[in-house]
Amino acid sequence: MMCVLTSVTNAIPTEFDATFAELLSHLAGTQVIAVDIPIGLPDGAEPRAADVEAKKRLGKLGPAVFATPPRVVLEAPSYAKANALSKELFGRGISCQSYALRRKIFEV
């Protein structure tokens, strides 16, 4: 995991840690921590409110926010099985990127 810290007056060195828990242990007292990975997974096909709001706020850059797959899909043992399950249950597949991030998504 990587973290870049900034303040109003200066940049603080970048922090690298193996896990999200380790990263958080070095950020005690930090007022705001922004995480560029989904926190919480949907149970069904409905998009998370956080994803909808992020797309809205980003305007024309909104497509950069990918849909967060449901937990049951990310728990599949392979991308092929996850994609097929998503299509079967929710009518649409998932991106390779979403599946590749699953370990980090589960960690957070």
N, C-alpha and C. Protein backbone atom coordinates (compact mmCIF):
# COMPACT_ATOMS: atom_id res chain seq x y z
N MET A 1 0.84 -1.17 0.00
CA MET A 1 0.00 0.00 0.00
C MET A 1 0.89 1.24 0.00
N MET A 2 0.40 2.28 -0.62
CA MET A 2 1.14 3.52 -0.68
C MET A 2 0.27 4.66 -0.18
N CYS A 3 0.90 5.64 0.42
CA CYS A 3 0.19 6.82 0.90
C CYS A 3 1.04 8.04 0.62
N VAL A 4 0.43 9.08 0.09
CA VAL A 4 1.11 10.36 -0.08
C VAL A 4 0.42 11.34 0.84
N LEU A 5 1.18 11.92 1.74
CA LEU A 5 0.63 12.86 2.71
C LEU A 5 0.99 14.27 2.30
N THR A 6 0.05 15.17 2.45
CA THR A 6 0.32 16.57 2.19
C THR A 6 -0.29 17.41 3.29
N SER A 7 0.21 18.60 3.40
CA SER A 7 -0.38 19.56 4.34
C SER A 7 -0.49 20.88 3.61
N VAL A 8 -1.08 21.85 4.24
CA VAL A 8 -1.23 23.16 3.62
C VAL A 8 0.13 23.78 3.33
N THR A 9 1.09 23.53 4.19
CA THR A 9 2.38 24.21 4.06
C THR A 9 3.44 23.42 3.31
N ASN A 10 3.37 22.10 3.31
CA ASN A 10 4.40 21.33 2.62
C ASN A 10 3.96 19.89 2.37
N ALA A 11 4.74 19.23 1.52
CA ALA A 11 4.49 17.81 1.27
C ALA A 11 5.26 17.00 2.30
N ILE A 12 4.66 15.96 2.75
CA ILE A 12 5.27 15.05 3.70
C ILE A 12 5.69 13.81 2.91
N PRO A 13 6.77 13.15 3.26
CA PRO A 13 7.25 12.01 2.47
C PRO A 13 6.18 10.94 2.23
N THR A 14 6.33 10.26 1.11
CA THR A 14 5.44 9.16 0.76
C THR A 14 5.69 7.99 1.69
N GLU A 15 4.64 7.32 2.09
CA GLU A 15 4.72 6.17 3.01
C GLU A 15 4.38 4.91 2.23
N PHE A 16 5.20 3.88 2.33
CA PHE A 16 4.93 2.58 1.71
C PHE A 16 4.85 1.52 2.79
N ASP A 17 3.82 0.69 2.74
CA ASP A 17 3.68 -0.41 3.68
C ASP A 17 3.10 -1.61 2.95
N ALA A 18 3.31 -2.79 3.51
CA ALA A 18 2.85 -4.02 2.87
C ALA A 18 1.34 -4.20 2.96
N THR A 19 0.74 -3.71 4.04
CA THR A 19 -0.70 -3.90 4.21
C THR A 19 -1.37 -2.59 4.59
N PHE A 20 -2.68 -2.56 4.42
CA PHE A 20 -3.45 -1.38 4.79
C PHE A 20 -3.37 -1.13 6.29
N ALA A 21 -3.40 -2.20 7.08
CA ALA A 21 -3.31 -2.07 8.54
C ALA A 21 -1.99 -1.43 8.95
N GLU A 22 -0.89 -1.84 8.32
CA GLU A 22 0.42 -1.24 8.62
C GLU A 22 0.42 0.23 8.25
N LEU A 23 -0.14 0.54 7.10
CA LEU A 23 -0.20 1.93 6.66
C LEU A 23 -0.96 2.77 7.67
N LEU A 24 -2.11 2.30 8.10
CA LEU A 24 -2.90 3.04 9.08
C LEU A 24 -2.16 3.23 10.40
N SER A 25 -1.35 2.26 10.77
CA SER A 25 -0.62 2.37 12.03
C SER A 25 0.37 3.52 12.02
N HIS A 26 0.79 3.95 10.85
CA HIS A 26 1.73 5.07 10.73
C HIS A 26 1.02 6.41 10.57
N LEU A 27 -0.29 6.40 10.51
CA LEU A 27 -1.04 7.62 10.24
C LEU A 27 -1.86 8.09 11.44
N ALA A 28 -1.49 7.66 12.62
CA ALA A 28 -2.20 8.08 13.83
C ALA A 28 -2.22 9.61 13.91
N GLY A 29 -3.38 10.14 14.21
CA GLY A 29 -3.52 11.59 14.32
C GLY A 29 -3.84 12.29 13.01
N THR A 30 -3.84 11.55 11.92
CA THR A 30 -4.18 12.14 10.63
C THR A 30 -5.67 12.45 10.60
N GLN A 31 -6.02 13.64 10.14
CA GLN A 31 -7.43 14.04 10.15
C GLN A 31 -8.24 13.47 9.00
N VAL A 32 -7.63 13.35 7.82
CA VAL A 32 -8.34 12.84 6.66
C VAL A 32 -7.46 11.82 5.96
N ILE A 33 -8.03 10.67 5.65
CA ILE A 33 -7.33 9.65 4.88
C ILE A 33 -8.23 9.30 3.70
N ALA A 34 -7.76 9.56 2.49
CA ALA A 34 -8.51 9.23 1.29
C ALA A 34 -7.96 7.93 0.73
N VAL A 35 -8.84 6.99 0.45
CA VAL A 35 -8.43 5.67 -0.01
C VAL A 35 -9.01 5.46 -1.41
N ASP A 36 -8.13 5.20 -2.38
CA ASP A 36 -8.57 5.01 -3.76
C ASP A 36 -8.81 3.52 -4.03
N ILE A 37 -9.71 2.97 -3.26
CA ILE A 37 -10.14 1.58 -3.43
C ILE A 37 -11.50 1.47 -2.75
N PRO A 38 -12.40 0.67 -3.29
CA PRO A 38 -13.72 0.59 -2.67
C PRO A 38 -13.66 0.12 -1.21
N ILE A 39 -14.41 0.78 -0.37
CA ILE A 39 -14.55 0.38 1.03
C ILE A 39 -16.00 -0.06 1.19
N GLY A 40 -16.20 -1.34 1.37
CA GLY A 40 -17.55 -1.90 1.45
C GLY A 40 -18.01 -2.35 0.08
N LEU A 41 -18.58 -3.53 0.03
CA LEU A 41 -19.03 -4.11 -1.24
C LEU A 41 -20.54 -4.21 -1.28
N PRO A 42 -21.12 -4.00 -2.47
CA PRO A 42 -22.58 -4.14 -2.59
C PRO A 42 -22.99 -5.61 -2.53
N ASP A 43 -24.21 -5.85 -2.12
CA ASP A 43 -24.74 -7.22 -2.09
C ASP A 43 -25.34 -7.62 -3.43
N GLY A 44 -25.79 -6.63 -4.18
CA GLY A 44 -26.46 -6.91 -5.45
C GLY A 44 -25.95 -6.02 -6.57
N ALA A 45 -26.77 -5.88 -7.60
CA ALA A 45 -26.38 -5.15 -8.79
C ALA A 45 -26.46 -3.63 -8.64
N GLU A 46 -27.16 -3.15 -7.63
CA GLU A 46 -27.29 -1.70 -7.44
C GLU A 46 -25.93 -1.07 -7.14
N PRO A 47 -25.60 0.05 -7.79
CA PRO A 47 -24.30 0.69 -7.52
C PRO A 47 -24.26 1.28 -6.11
N ARG A 48 -23.07 1.33 -5.55
CA ARG A 48 -22.90 1.94 -4.23
C ARG A 48 -23.12 3.45 -4.36
N ALA A 49 -23.70 4.05 -3.35
CA ALA A 49 -23.94 5.50 -3.35
C ALA A 49 -22.62 6.25 -3.51
N ALA A 50 -21.55 5.75 -2.92
CA ALA A 50 -20.24 6.41 -3.02
C ALA A 50 -19.76 6.46 -4.47
N ASP A 51 -19.99 5.39 -5.23
CA ASP A 51 -19.57 5.36 -6.63
C ASP A 51 -20.39 6.34 -7.47
N VAL A 52 -21.69 6.37 -7.22
CA VAL A 52 -22.58 7.29 -7.95
C VAL A 52 -22.17 8.73 -7.69
N GLU A 53 -21.92 9.06 -6.44
CA GLU A 53 -21.53 10.43 -6.07
C GLU A 53 -20.17 10.79 -6.64
N ALA A 54 -19.23 9.86 -6.62
CA ALA A 54 -17.90 10.13 -7.17
C ALA A 54 -17.99 10.41 -8.67
N LYS A 55 -18.75 9.61 -9.39
CA LYS A 55 -18.93 9.83 -10.83
C LYS A 55 -19.54 11.21 -11.09
N LYS A 56 -20.54 11.56 -10.29
CA LYS A 56 -21.22 12.85 -10.45
C LYS A 56 -20.24 14.00 -10.23
N ARG A 57 -19.47 13.92 -9.17
CA ARG A 57 -18.54 15.01 -8.84
C ARG A 57 -17.39 15.13 -9.83
N LEU A 58 -17.01 14.02 -10.45
CA LEU A 58 -15.90 14.05 -11.40
C LEU A 58 -16.32 14.53 -12.78
N GLY A 59 -17.62 14.65 -13.02
CA GLY A 59 -18.09 15.14 -14.32
C GLY A 59 -17.62 14.27 -15.46
N LYS A 60 -16.95 14.88 -16.45
CA LYS A 60 -16.53 14.11 -17.62
C LYS A 60 -15.45 13.08 -17.30
N LEU A 61 -14.85 13.16 -16.13
CA LEU A 61 -13.88 12.15 -15.71
C LEU A 61 -14.56 11.02 -14.93
N GLY A 62 -15.86 11.10 -14.76
CA GLY A 62 -16.62 10.10 -14.02
C GLY A 62 -16.42 8.66 -14.46
N PRO A 63 -16.26 8.40 -15.77
CA PRO A 63 -16.04 7.01 -16.19
C PRO A 63 -14.78 6.37 -15.59
N ALA A 64 -13.89 7.17 -15.02
CA ALA A 64 -12.70 6.61 -14.37
C ALA A 64 -13.06 5.84 -13.10
N VAL A 65 -14.25 6.07 -12.58
CA VAL A 65 -14.72 5.34 -11.39
C VAL A 65 -15.41 4.07 -11.88
N PHE A 66 -14.78 2.92 -11.63
CA PHE A 66 -15.39 1.68 -12.10
C PHE A 66 -16.42 1.17 -11.10
N ALA A 67 -17.39 0.43 -11.61
CA ALA A 67 -18.44 -0.13 -10.76
C ALA A 67 -17.83 -1.15 -9.81
N THR A 68 -18.21 -1.08 -8.55
CA THR A 68 -17.71 -2.03 -7.56
C THR A 68 -18.52 -3.32 -7.65
N PRO A 69 -17.86 -4.43 -7.96
CA PRO A 69 -18.60 -5.69 -8.07
C PRO A 69 -19.10 -6.18 -6.72
N PRO A 70 -20.20 -6.91 -6.72
CA PRO A 70 -20.70 -7.50 -5.47
C PRO A 70 -19.69 -8.50 -4.88
N ARG A 71 -19.73 -8.65 -3.58
CA ARG A 71 -18.81 -9.56 -2.87
C ARG A 71 -18.82 -10.97 -3.46
N VAL A 72 -20.02 -11.52 -3.72
CA VAL A 72 -20.12 -12.89 -4.22
C VAL A 72 -19.33 -13.05 -5.52
N VAL A 73 -19.28 -12.02 -6.35
CA VAL A 73 -18.54 -12.08 -7.60
C VAL A 73 -17.04 -12.07 -7.33
N LEU A 74 -16.59 -11.19 -6.46
CA LEU A 74 -15.15 -11.10 -6.18
C LEU A 74 -14.63 -12.31 -5.41
N GLU A 75 -15.51 -13.07 -4.79
CA GLU A 75 -15.08 -14.28 -4.08
C GLU A 75 -14.86 -15.46 -5.01
N ALA A 76 -15.22 -15.32 -6.28
CA ALA A 76 -15.00 -16.41 -7.25
C ALA A 76 -13.50 -16.69 -7.38
N PRO A 77 -13.12 -17.96 -7.60
CA PRO A 77 -11.71 -18.33 -7.61
C PRO A 77 -10.90 -17.90 -8.84
N SER A 78 -11.57 -17.44 -9.89
CA SER A 78 -10.85 -16.98 -11.08
C SER A 78 -11.63 -15.84 -11.74
N TYR A 79 -10.91 -15.07 -12.58
CA TYR A 79 -11.59 -13.98 -13.28
C TYR A 79 -12.69 -14.54 -14.19
N ALA A 80 -12.40 -15.62 -14.90
CA ALA A 80 -13.39 -16.19 -15.82
C ALA A 80 -14.67 -16.57 -15.07
N LYS A 81 -14.51 -17.19 -13.90
CA LYS A 81 -15.69 -17.58 -13.12
C LYS A 81 -16.40 -16.36 -12.55
N ALA A 82 -15.64 -15.38 -12.11
CA ALA A 82 -16.24 -14.15 -11.57
C ALA A 82 -17.03 -13.42 -12.65
N ASN A 83 -16.47 -13.32 -13.83
CA ASN A 83 -17.13 -12.62 -14.93
C ASN A 83 -18.41 -13.35 -15.34
N ALA A 84 -18.33 -14.68 -15.45
CA ALA A 84 -19.51 -15.48 -15.81
C ALA A 84 -20.60 -15.36 -14.74
N LEU A 85 -20.21 -15.40 -13.47
CA LEU A 85 -21.17 -15.29 -12.38
C LEU A 85 -21.84 -13.92 -12.38
N SER A 86 -21.05 -12.88 -12.61
CA SER A 86 -21.60 -11.53 -12.65
C SER A 86 -22.63 -11.40 -13.78
N LYS A 87 -22.30 -11.94 -14.94
CA LYS A 87 -23.23 -11.90 -16.08
C LYS A 87 -24.51 -12.67 -15.76
N GLU A 88 -24.35 -13.84 -15.14
CA GLU A 88 -25.50 -14.68 -14.80
C GLU A 88 -26.41 -14.01 -13.76
N LEU A 89 -25.81 -13.47 -12.71
CA LEU A 89 -26.60 -12.91 -11.61
C LEU A 89 -27.08 -11.48 -11.84
N PHE A 90 -26.25 -10.69 -12.52
CA PHE A 90 -26.52 -9.25 -12.59
C PHE A 90 -26.63 -8.69 -14.00
N GLY A 91 -26.45 -9.55 -15.00
CA GLY A 91 -26.64 -9.11 -16.38
C GLY A 91 -25.49 -8.35 -16.99
N ARG A 92 -24.37 -8.27 -16.28
CA ARG A 92 -23.19 -7.61 -16.85
C ARG A 92 -21.93 -8.21 -16.23
N GLY A 93 -20.86 -8.19 -17.00
CA GLY A 93 -19.59 -8.72 -16.52
C GLY A 93 -18.84 -7.71 -15.67
N ILE A 94 -17.64 -8.08 -15.26
CA ILE A 94 -16.78 -7.17 -14.50
C ILE A 94 -15.47 -7.00 -15.25
N SER A 95 -14.77 -5.94 -14.95
CA SER A 95 -13.48 -5.69 -15.60
C SER A 95 -12.38 -6.54 -14.97
N CYS A 96 -11.36 -6.80 -15.76
CA CYS A 96 -10.18 -7.51 -15.23
C CYS A 96 -9.56 -6.72 -14.09
N GLN A 97 -9.56 -5.40 -14.22
CA GLN A 97 -8.98 -4.54 -13.19
C GLN A 97 -9.71 -4.72 -11.85
N SER A 98 -11.02 -4.76 -11.89
CA SER A 98 -11.80 -4.95 -10.66
C SER A 98 -11.43 -6.26 -9.99
N TYR A 99 -11.35 -7.31 -10.78
CA TYR A 99 -11.03 -8.62 -10.21
C TYR A 99 -9.59 -8.64 -9.68
N ALA A 100 -8.68 -8.01 -10.40
CA ALA A 100 -7.27 -7.98 -9.99
C ALA A 100 -7.08 -7.26 -8.66
N LEU A 101 -7.95 -6.32 -8.35
CA LEU A 101 -7.85 -5.56 -7.10
C LEU A 101 -8.54 -6.25 -5.92
N ARG A 102 -9.11 -7.41 -6.13
CA ARG A 102 -9.95 -8.02 -5.10
C ARG A 102 -9.24 -8.26 -3.77
N ARG A 103 -7.99 -8.67 -3.78
CA ARG A 103 -7.30 -8.91 -2.50
C ARG A 103 -7.17 -7.62 -1.71
N LYS A 104 -6.84 -6.53 -2.40
CA LYS A 104 -6.72 -5.24 -1.72
C LYS A 104 -8.09 -4.74 -1.27
N ILE A 105 -9.12 -4.98 -2.08
CA ILE A 105 -10.48 -4.58 -1.70
C ILE A 105 -10.89 -5.32 -0.43
N PHE A 106 -10.64 -6.62 -0.37
CA PHE A 106 -10.98 -7.40 0.83
C PHE A 106 -10.17 -6.94 2.04
N GLU A 107 -8.93 -6.55 1.81
CA GLU A 107 -8.06 -6.10 2.91
C GLU A 107 -8.58 -4.82 3.55
N VAL A 108 -9.06 -3.90 2.72
CA VAL A 108 -9.55 -2.62 3.23
C VAL A 108 -10.91 -2.83 3.86
